[in-house]
Amino acid sequence: MLKDKYNMTQEQNIFYAKRNIVDSMWKSANLEGITIKGRILCLS
């Protein structure tokens, strides 16, 4: 069994996961040469 490493609430964990997905897509687009003028965040 894994121990709770970061001590986050479920709400914090979900926010972090969504933010991580958005950041990952943004970085992938930059690597592929796709220009993104601003980050669009829909984290609600």
C-alpha atoms as a PDB file:
ATOM      1  CA  MET A   1       0.000   0.000   0.000  1.00  0.00           C
ATOM      2  CA  LEU A   2       1.287   3.466  -0.897  1.00  0.00           C
ATOM      3  CA  LYS A   3       1.443   6.160   1.748  1.00  0.00           C
ATOM      4  CA  ASP A   4      -0.093   9.595   1.187  1.00  0.00           C
ATOM      5  CA  LYS A   5       2.940  11.570   0.069  1.00  0.00           C
ATOM      6  CA  TYR A   6       1.554  15.090  -0.403  1.00  0.00           C
ATOM      7  CA  ASN A   7      -1.344  15.328   2.049  1.00  0.00           C
ATOM      8  CA  MET A   8      -3.788  17.015  -0.374  1.00  0.00           C
ATOM      9  CA  THR A   9      -7.548  17.132  -0.132  1.00  0.00           C
ATOM     10  CA  GLN A  10      -9.583  15.575  -2.936  1.00  0.00           C
ATOM     11  CA  GLU A  11     -10.441  19.051  -4.275  1.00  0.00           C
ATOM     12  CA  GLN A  12      -6.752  20.073  -4.348  1.00  0.00           C
ATOM     13  CA  ASN A  13      -5.829  16.781  -6.012  1.00  0.00           C
ATOM     14  CA  ILE A  14      -8.423  17.237  -8.786  1.00  0.00           C
ATOM     15  CA  PHE A  15      -7.309  20.851  -9.387  1.00  0.00           C
ATOM     16  CA  TYR A  16      -3.670  19.739  -9.607  1.00  0.00           C
ATOM     17  CA  ALA A  17      -4.519  16.916 -12.033  1.00  0.00           C
ATOM     18  CA  LYS A  18      -6.469  19.265 -14.351  1.00  0.00           C
ATOM     19  CA  ARG A  19      -3.710  21.871 -14.220  1.00  0.00           C
ATOM     20  CA  ASN A  20      -1.111  19.220 -14.994  1.00  0.00           C
ATOM     21  CA  ILE A  21      -3.074  18.070 -18.072  1.00  0.00           C
ATOM     22  CA  VAL A  22      -3.375  21.670 -19.367  1.00  0.00           C
ATOM     23  CA  ASP A  23       0.347  22.316 -18.804  1.00  0.00           C
ATOM     24  CA  SER A  24       1.246  19.067 -20.544  1.00  0.00           C
ATOM     25  CA  MET A  25      -0.863  19.933 -23.616  1.00  0.00           C
ATOM     26  CA  TRP A  26       0.620  23.446 -23.746  1.00  0.00           C
ATOM     27  CA  LYS A  27       4.184  22.106 -23.598  1.00  0.00           C
ATOM     28  CA  SER A  28       3.446  19.474 -26.249  1.00  0.00           C
ATOM     29  CA  ALA A  29       2.012  22.108 -28.577  1.00  0.00           C
ATOM     30  CA  ASN A  30       5.138  24.244 -28.149  1.00  0.00           C
ATOM     31  CA  LEU A  31       7.369  21.273 -28.925  1.00  0.00           C
ATOM     32  CA  GLU A  32       5.425  20.643 -32.137  1.00  0.00           C
ATOM     33  CA  GLY A  33       5.759  24.288 -33.197  1.00  0.00           C
ATOM     34  CA  ILE A  34       2.127  25.240 -32.645  1.00  0.00           C
ATOM     35  CA  THR A  35       1.877  28.872 -31.535  1.00  0.00           C
ATOM     36  CA  ILE A  36      -0.306  29.508 -28.526  1.00  0.00           C
ATOM     37  CA  LYS A  37      -0.781  33.179 -27.592  1.00  0.00           C
ATOM     38  CA  GLY A  38      -2.175  32.525 -24.117  1.00  0.00           C
ATOM     39  CA  ARG A  39      -3.177  29.687 -21.893  1.00  0.00           C
ATOM     40  CA  ILE A  40      -6.878  28.933 -21.756  1.00  0.00           C
ATOM     41  CA  LEU A  41      -7.730  27.375 -18.437  1.00  0.00           C
ATOM     42  CA  CYS A  42     -11.063  25.734 -17.768  1.00  0.00           C
ATOM     43  CA  LEU A  43     -10.467  24.256 -14.343  1.00  0.00           C
ATOM     44  CA  SER A  44     -13.883  24.569 -12.778  1.00  0.00           C
END
